[in-house]
Amino acid sequence: MNNLADNLSFRHTFNTQKLIESHPAKIRNANKKIVYRIACPPDSIHHGEIVFSRWRSIALQDLCEGF
């Protein structure tokens, strides 16, 4: 069976506070601005991380072996 970890080609973890500070949102849609202001009021502190990953393609039958 194919090990999924073998298909991971790239992974990067972002600190959410640093990401928001260095790349502030540029929202043009009025409704989305309202939602963003409610969800992320000025001076709010963002905790946690965002993890981005890219994977190589894998054949479906390789994932289903053994089922």
PDB file of N, CA and C in Angstrom:
ATOM      1  N   MET A   1       0.846  -1.185   0.000  1.00  0.00           N
ATOM      2  CA  MET A   1       0.000   0.000   0.000  1.00  0.00           C
ATOM      3  C   MET A   1       0.886   1.242   0.000  1.00  0.00           C
ATOM      4  N   ASN A   2       0.465   2.252  -0.669  1.00  0.00           N
ATOM      5  CA  ASN A   2       1.219   3.496  -0.790  1.00  0.00           C
ATOM      6  C   ASN A   2       1.112   4.303   0.507  1.00  0.00           C
ATOM      7  N   ASN A   3       2.239   4.729   1.041  1.00  0.00           N
ATOM      8  CA  ASN A   3       2.254   5.562   2.235  1.00  0.00           C
ATOM      9  C   ASN A   3       1.956   7.002   1.816  1.00  0.00           C
ATOM     10  N   LEU A   4       0.884   7.583   2.342  1.00  0.00           N
ATOM     11  CA  LEU A   4       0.501   8.941   1.944  1.00  0.00           C
ATOM     12  C   LEU A   4       1.603   9.950   2.211  1.00  0.00           C
ATOM     13  N   ALA A   5       2.356   9.776   3.273  1.00  0.00           N
ATOM     14  CA  ALA A   5       3.426  10.726   3.599  1.00  0.00           C
ATOM     15  C   ALA A   5       4.475  10.792   2.493  1.00  0.00           C
ATOM     16  N   ASP A   6       4.612   9.709   1.730  1.00  0.00           N
ATOM     17  CA  ASP A   6       5.563   9.706   0.618  1.00  0.00           C
ATOM     18  C   ASP A   6       5.136  10.665  -0.490  1.00  0.00           C
ATOM     19  N   ASN A   7       3.864  11.021  -0.538  1.00  0.00           N
ATOM     20  CA  ASN A   7       3.344  11.886  -1.592  1.00  0.00           C
ATOM     21  C   ASN A   7       3.307  13.359  -1.191  1.00  0.00           C
ATOM     22  N   LEU A   8       3.708  13.668   0.011  1.00  0.00           N
ATOM     23  CA  LEU A   8       3.772  15.060   0.448  1.00  0.00           C
ATOM     24  C   LEU A   8       4.959  15.726  -0.231  1.00  0.00           C
ATOM     25  N   SER A   9       4.701  16.799  -0.989  1.00  0.00           N
ATOM     26  CA  SER A   9       5.808  17.458  -1.683  1.00  0.00           C
ATOM     27  C   SER A   9       6.226  18.753  -0.998  1.00  0.00           C
ATOM     28  N   PHE A  10       5.322  19.369  -0.236  1.00  0.00           N
ATOM     29  CA  PHE A  10       5.657  20.642   0.405  1.00  0.00           C
ATOM     30  C   PHE A  10       4.689  20.902   1.544  1.00  0.00           C
ATOM     31  N   ARG A  11       5.207  21.425   2.650  1.00  0.00           N
ATOM     32  CA  ARG A  11       4.345  21.835   3.764  1.00  0.00           C
ATOM     33  C   ARG A  11       4.973  23.055   4.423  1.00  0.00           C
ATOM     34  N   HIS A  12       4.137  24.051   4.705  1.00  0.00           N
ATOM     35  CA  HIS A  12       4.614  25.248   5.392  1.00  0.00           C
ATOM     36  C   HIS A  12       3.579  25.644   6.436  1.00  0.00           C
ATOM     37  N   THR A  13       4.046  26.013   7.614  1.00  0.00           N
ATOM     38  CA  THR A  13       3.174  26.436   8.701  1.00  0.00           C
ATOM     39  C   THR A  13       3.326  27.930   8.910  1.00  0.00           C
ATOM     40  N   PHE A  14       2.192  28.630   8.958  1.00  0.00           N
ATOM     41  CA  PHE A  14       2.173  30.074   9.147  1.00  0.00           C
ATOM     42  C   PHE A  14       1.623  30.412  10.523  1.00  0.00           C
ATOM     43  N   ASN A  15       2.261  31.332  11.221  1.00  0.00           N
ATOM     44  CA  ASN A  15       1.727  31.891  12.456  1.00  0.00           C
ATOM     45  C   ASN A  15       0.632  32.876  12.054  1.00  0.00           C
ATOM     46  N   THR A  16      -0.599  32.686  12.547  1.00  0.00           N
ATOM     47  CA  THR A  16      -1.717  33.508  12.075  1.00  0.00           C
ATOM     48  C   THR A  16      -1.547  34.982  12.401  1.00  0.00           C
ATOM     49  N   GLN A  17      -1.044  35.319  13.568  1.00  0.00           N
ATOM     50  CA  GLN A  17      -0.881  36.730  13.927  1.00  0.00           C
ATOM     51  C   GLN A  17       0.114  37.417  12.992  1.00  0.00           C
ATOM     52  N   LYS A  18       1.245  36.775  12.759  1.00  0.00           N
ATOM     53  CA  LYS A  18       2.249  37.359  11.858  1.00  0.00           C
ATOM     54  C   LYS A  18       1.716  37.466  10.431  1.00  0.00           C
ATOM     55  N   LEU A  19       0.944  36.471  10.013  1.00  0.00           N
ATOM     56  CA  LEU A  19       0.381  36.481   8.662  1.00  0.00           C
ATOM     57  C   LEU A  19      -0.591  37.646   8.479  1.00  0.00           C
ATOM     58  N   ILE A  20      -1.472  37.864   9.437  1.00  0.00           N
ATOM     59  CA  ILE A  20      -2.442  38.968   9.362  1.00  0.00           C
ATOM     60  C   ILE A  20      -1.729  40.317   9.395  1.00  0.00           C
ATOM     61  N   GLU A  21      -0.703  40.427  10.227  1.00  0.00           N
ATOM     62  CA  GLU A  21       0.030  41.699  10.323  1.00  0.00           C
ATOM     63  C   GLU A  21       0.803  42.012   9.040  1.00  0.00           C
ATOM     64  N   SER A  22       1.414  41.002   8.443  1.00  0.00           N
ATOM     65  CA  SER A  22       2.242  41.253   7.266  1.00  0.00           C
ATOM     66  C   SER A  22       1.448  41.266   5.960  1.00  0.00           C
ATOM     67  N   HIS A  23       0.265  40.675   5.966  1.00  0.00           N
ATOM     68  CA  HIS A  23      -0.574  40.635   4.757  1.00  0.00           C
ATOM     69  C   HIS A  23      -2.025  40.945   5.125  1.00  0.00           C
ATOM     70  N   PRO A  24      -2.338  42.204   5.427  1.00  0.00           N
ATOM     71  CA  PRO A  24      -3.712  42.542   5.814  1.00  0.00           C
ATOM     72  C   PRO A  24      -4.698  42.244   4.680  1.00  0.00           C
ATOM     73  N   ALA A  25      -5.906  41.901   5.065  1.00  0.00           N
ATOM     74  CA  ALA A  25      -6.938  41.562   4.080  1.00  0.00           C
ATOM     75  C   ALA A  25      -7.274  42.764   3.209  1.00  0.00           C
ATOM     76  N   LYS A  26      -7.471  42.508   1.925  1.00  0.00           N
ATOM     77  CA  LYS A  26      -7.897  43.541   0.972  1.00  0.00           C
ATOM     78  C   LYS A  26      -9.256  43.112   0.435  1.00  0.00           C
ATOM     79  N   ILE A  27     -10.287  43.426   1.180  1.00  0.00           N
ATOM     80  CA  ILE A  27     -11.635  42.976   0.844  1.00  0.00           C
ATOM     81  C   ILE A  27     -12.395  44.121   0.186  1.00  0.00           C
ATOM     82  N   ARG A  28     -12.959  43.852  -0.986  1.00  0.00           N
ATOM     83  CA  ARG A  28     -13.693  44.879  -1.726  1.00  0.00           C
ATOM     84  C   ARG A  28     -15.205  44.703  -1.629  1.00  0.00           C
ATOM     85  N   ASN A  29     -15.661  43.489  -1.391  1.00  0.00           N
ATOM     86  CA  ASN A  29     -17.084  43.201  -1.302  1.00  0.00           C
ATOM     87  C   ASN A  29     -17.631  43.699   0.033  1.00  0.00           C
ATOM     88  N   ALA A  30     -18.701  44.496  -0.016  1.00  0.00           N
ATOM     89  CA  ALA A  30     -19.257  45.116   1.196  1.00  0.00           C
ATOM     90  C   ALA A  30     -19.706  44.078   2.221  1.00  0.00           C
ATOM     91  N   ASN A  31     -20.366  43.021   1.781  1.00  0.00           N
ATOM     92  CA  ASN A  31     -20.839  41.999   2.718  1.00  0.00           C
ATOM     93  C   ASN A  31     -19.680  41.259   3.376  1.00  0.00           C
ATOM     94  N   LYS A  32     -18.650  40.974   2.602  1.00  0.00           N
ATOM     95  CA  LYS A  32     -17.482  40.293   3.164  1.00  0.00           C
ATOM     96  C   LYS A  32     -16.746  41.196   4.149  1.00  0.00           C
ATOM     97  N   LYS A  33     -16.735  42.501   3.897  1.00  0.00           N
ATOM     98  CA  LYS A  33     -16.121  43.446   4.839  1.00  0.00           C
ATOM     99  C   LYS A  33     -16.838  43.407   6.177  1.00  0.00           C
ATOM    100  N   ILE A  34     -18.170  43.352   6.138  1.00  0.00           N
ATOM    101  CA  ILE A  34     -18.954  43.297   7.380  1.00  0.00           C
ATOM    102  C   ILE A  34     -18.615  42.032   8.160  1.00  0.00           C
ATOM    103  N   VAL A  35     -18.598  40.909   7.474  1.00  0.00           N
ATOM    104  CA  VAL A  35     -18.281  39.634   8.134  1.00  0.00           C
ATOM    105  C   VAL A  35     -16.870  39.667   8.707  1.00  0.00           C
ATOM    106  N   TYR A  36     -15.915  40.206   7.954  1.00  0.00           N
ATOM    107  CA  TYR A  36     -14.530  40.271   8.424  1.00  0.00           C
ATOM    108  C   TYR A  36     -14.418  41.158   9.663  1.00  0.00           C
ATOM    109  N   ARG A  37     -15.113  42.295   9.660  1.00  0.00           N
ATOM    110  CA  ARG A  37     -15.068  43.186  10.835  1.00  0.00           C
ATOM    111  C   ARG A  37     -15.648  42.518  12.072  1.00  0.00           C
ATOM    112  N   ILE A  38     -16.685  41.704  11.884  1.00  0.00           N
ATOM    113  CA  ILE A  38     -17.278  40.982  13.020  1.00  0.00           C
ATOM    114  C   ILE A  38     -16.326  39.878  13.502  1.00  0.00           C
ATOM    115  N   ALA A  39     -15.777  39.122  12.558  1.00  0.00           N
ATOM    116  CA  ALA A  39     -14.913  37.987  12.907  1.00  0.00           C
ATOM    117  C   ALA A  39     -13.537  38.424  13.399  1.00  0.00           C
ATOM    118  N   CYS A  40     -13.032  39.529  12.861  1.00  0.00           N
ATOM    119  CA  CYS A  40     -11.676  39.990  13.173  1.00  0.00           C
ATOM    120  C   CYS A  40     -11.692  41.489  13.464  1.00  0.00           C
ATOM    121  N   PRO A  41     -12.243  41.887  14.610  1.00  0.00           N
ATOM    122  CA  PRO A  41     -12.284  43.317  14.913  1.00  0.00           C
ATOM    123  C   PRO A  41     -10.874  43.902  15.025  1.00  0.00           C
ATOM    124  N   PRO A  42     -10.747  45.217  14.810  1.00  0.00           N
ATOM    125  CA  PRO A  42      -9.428  45.850  14.941  1.00  0.00           C
ATOM    126  C   PRO A  42      -8.795  45.524  16.298  1.00  0.00           C
ATOM    127  N   ASP A  43      -7.506  45.366  16.303  1.00  0.00           N
ATOM    128  CA  ASP A  43      -6.722  45.048  17.506  1.00  0.00           C
ATOM    129  C   ASP A  43      -6.989  43.653  18.064  1.00  0.00           C
ATOM    130  N   SER A  44      -7.665  42.801  17.301  1.00  0.00           N
ATOM    131  CA  SER A  44      -7.856  41.434  17.786  1.00  0.00           C
ATOM    132  C   SER A  44      -6.540  40.668  17.656  1.00  0.00           C
ATOM    133  N   ILE A  45      -6.372  39.680  18.510  1.00  0.00           N
ATOM    134  CA  ILE A  45      -5.168  38.854  18.502  1.00  0.00           C
ATOM    135  C   ILE A  45      -5.537  37.497  17.914  1.00  0.00           C
ATOM    136  N   HIS A  46      -4.768  37.065  16.941  1.00  0.00           N
ATOM    137  CA  HIS A  46      -5.034  35.799  16.260  1.00  0.00           C
ATOM    138  C   HIS A  46      -4.086  34.737  16.803  1.00  0.00           C
ATOM    139  N   HIS A  47      -4.649  33.623  17.224  1.00  0.00           N
ATOM    140  CA  HIS A  47      -3.870  32.523  17.797  1.00  0.00           C
ATOM    141  C   HIS A  47      -3.833  31.362  16.816  1.00  0.00           C
ATOM    142  N   GLY A  48      -2.875  30.523  16.980  1.00  0.00           N
ATOM    143  CA  GLY A  48      -2.822  29.295  16.203  1.00  0.00           C
ATOM    144  C   GLY A  48      -1.986  29.405  14.947  1.00  0.00           C
ATOM    145  N   GLU A  49      -2.166  28.409  14.102  1.00  0.00           N
ATOM    146  CA  GLU A  49      -1.372  28.298  12.887  1.00  0.00           C
ATOM    147  C   GLU A  49      -2.261  27.895  11.719  1.00  0.00           C
ATOM    148  N   ILE A  50      -1.817  28.259  10.531  1.00  0.00           N
ATOM    149  CA  ILE A  50      -2.426  27.784   9.294  1.00  0.00           C
ATOM    150  C   ILE A  50      -1.371  26.927   8.610  1.00  0.00           C
ATOM    151  N   VAL A  51      -1.750  25.721   8.238  1.00  0.00           N
ATOM    152  CA  VAL A  51      -0.809  24.807   7.594  1.00  0.00           C
ATOM    153  C   VAL A  51      -1.218  24.635   6.134  1.00  0.00           C
ATOM    154  N   PHE A  52      -0.263  24.893   5.251  1.00  0.00           N
ATOM    155  CA  PHE A  52      -0.458  24.747   3.808  1.00  0.00           C
ATOM    156  C   PHE A  52       0.374  23.566   3.344  1.00  0.00           C
ATOM    157  N   SER A  53      -0.219  22.701   2.537  1.00  0.00           N
ATOM    158  CA  SER A  53       0.545  21.565   2.022  1.00  0.00           C
ATOM    159  C   SER A  53       0.176  21.282   0.572  1.00  0.00           C
ATOM    160  N   ARG A  54       1.141  20.750  -0.155  1.00  0.00           N
ATOM    161  CA  ARG A  54       0.948  20.320  -1.546  1.00  0.00           C
ATOM    162  C   ARG A  54       1.276  18.830  -1.602  1.00  0.00           C
ATOM    163  N   TRP A  55       0.493  18.115  -2.387  1.00  0.00           N
ATOM    164  CA  TRP A  55       0.660  16.671  -2.481  1.00  0.00           C
ATOM    165  C   TRP A  55       0.828  16.253  -3.936  1.00  0.00           C
ATOM    166  N   ARG A  56       1.661  15.249  -4.169  1.00  0.00           N
ATOM    167  CA  ARG A  56       1.767  14.648  -5.495  1.00  0.00           C
ATOM    168  C   ARG A  56       0.502  13.833  -5.748  1.00  0.00           C
ATOM    169  N   SER A  57       0.173  13.648  -6.992  1.00  0.00           N
ATOM    170  CA  SER A  57      -1.021  12.861  -7.311  1.00  0.00           C
ATOM    171  C   SER A  57      -0.793  11.395  -6.944  1.00  0.00           C
ATOM    172  N   ILE A  58      -1.887  10.720  -6.646  1.00  0.00           N
ATOM    173  CA  ILE A  58      -1.828   9.296  -6.322  1.00  0.00           C
ATOM    174  C   ILE A  58      -3.056   8.633  -6.938  1.00  0.00           C
ATOM    175  N   ALA A  59      -2.864   7.468  -7.495  1.00  0.00           N
ATOM    176  CA  ALA A  59      -3.970   6.736  -8.105  1.00  0.00           C
ATOM    177  C   ALA A  59      -4.936   6.263  -7.025  1.00  0.00           C
ATOM    178  N   LEU A  60      -6.216   6.367  -7.300  1.00  0.00           N
ATOM    179  CA  LEU A  60      -7.235   5.991  -6.331  1.00  0.00           C
ATOM    180  C   LEU A  60      -7.097   4.532  -5.906  1.00  0.00           C
ATOM    181  N   GLN A  61      -6.790   3.652  -6.835  1.00  0.00           N
ATOM    182  CA  GLN A  61      -6.664   2.235  -6.480  1.00  0.00           C
ATOM    183  C   GLN A  61      -5.518   2.003  -5.497  1.00  0.00           C
ATOM    184  N   ASP A  62      -4.480   2.854  -5.525  1.00  0.00           N
ATOM    185  CA  ASP A  62      -3.386   2.724  -4.561  1.00  0.00           C
ATOM    186  C   ASP A  62      -3.857   3.066  -3.152  1.00  0.00           C
ATOM    187  N   LEU A  63      -4.807   3.983  -3.049  1.00  0.00           N
ATOM    188  CA  LEU A  63      -5.337   4.353  -1.739  1.00  0.00           C
ATOM    189  C   LEU A  63      -6.283   3.294  -1.192  1.00  0.00           C
ATOM    190  N   CYS A  64      -6.944   2.569  -2.077  1.00  0.00           N
ATOM    191  CA  CYS A  64      -7.995   1.634  -1.673  1.00  0.00           C
ATOM    192  C   CYS A  64      -7.504   0.205  -1.466  1.00  0.00           C
ATOM    193  N   GLU A  65      -6.231  -0.061  -1.688  1.00  0.00           N
ATOM    194  CA  GLU A  65      -5.718  -1.418  -1.489  1.00  0.00           C
ATOM    195  C   GLU A  65      -5.946  -1.858  -0.053  1.00  0.00           C
ATOM    196  N   GLY A  66      -6.454  -3.057   0.116  1.00  0.00           N
ATOM    197  CA  GLY A  66      -6.655  -3.606   1.446  1.00  0.00           C
ATOM    198  C   GLY A  66      -8.044  -3.361   2.003  1.00  0.00           C
ATOM    199  N   PHE A  67      -8.876  -2.646   1.291  1.00  0.00           N
ATOM    200  CA  PHE A  67     -10.249  -2.426   1.775  1.00  0.00           C
ATOM    201  C   PHE A  67     -11.170  -3.479   1.231  1.00  0.00           C
TER     202      PHE A  67
END
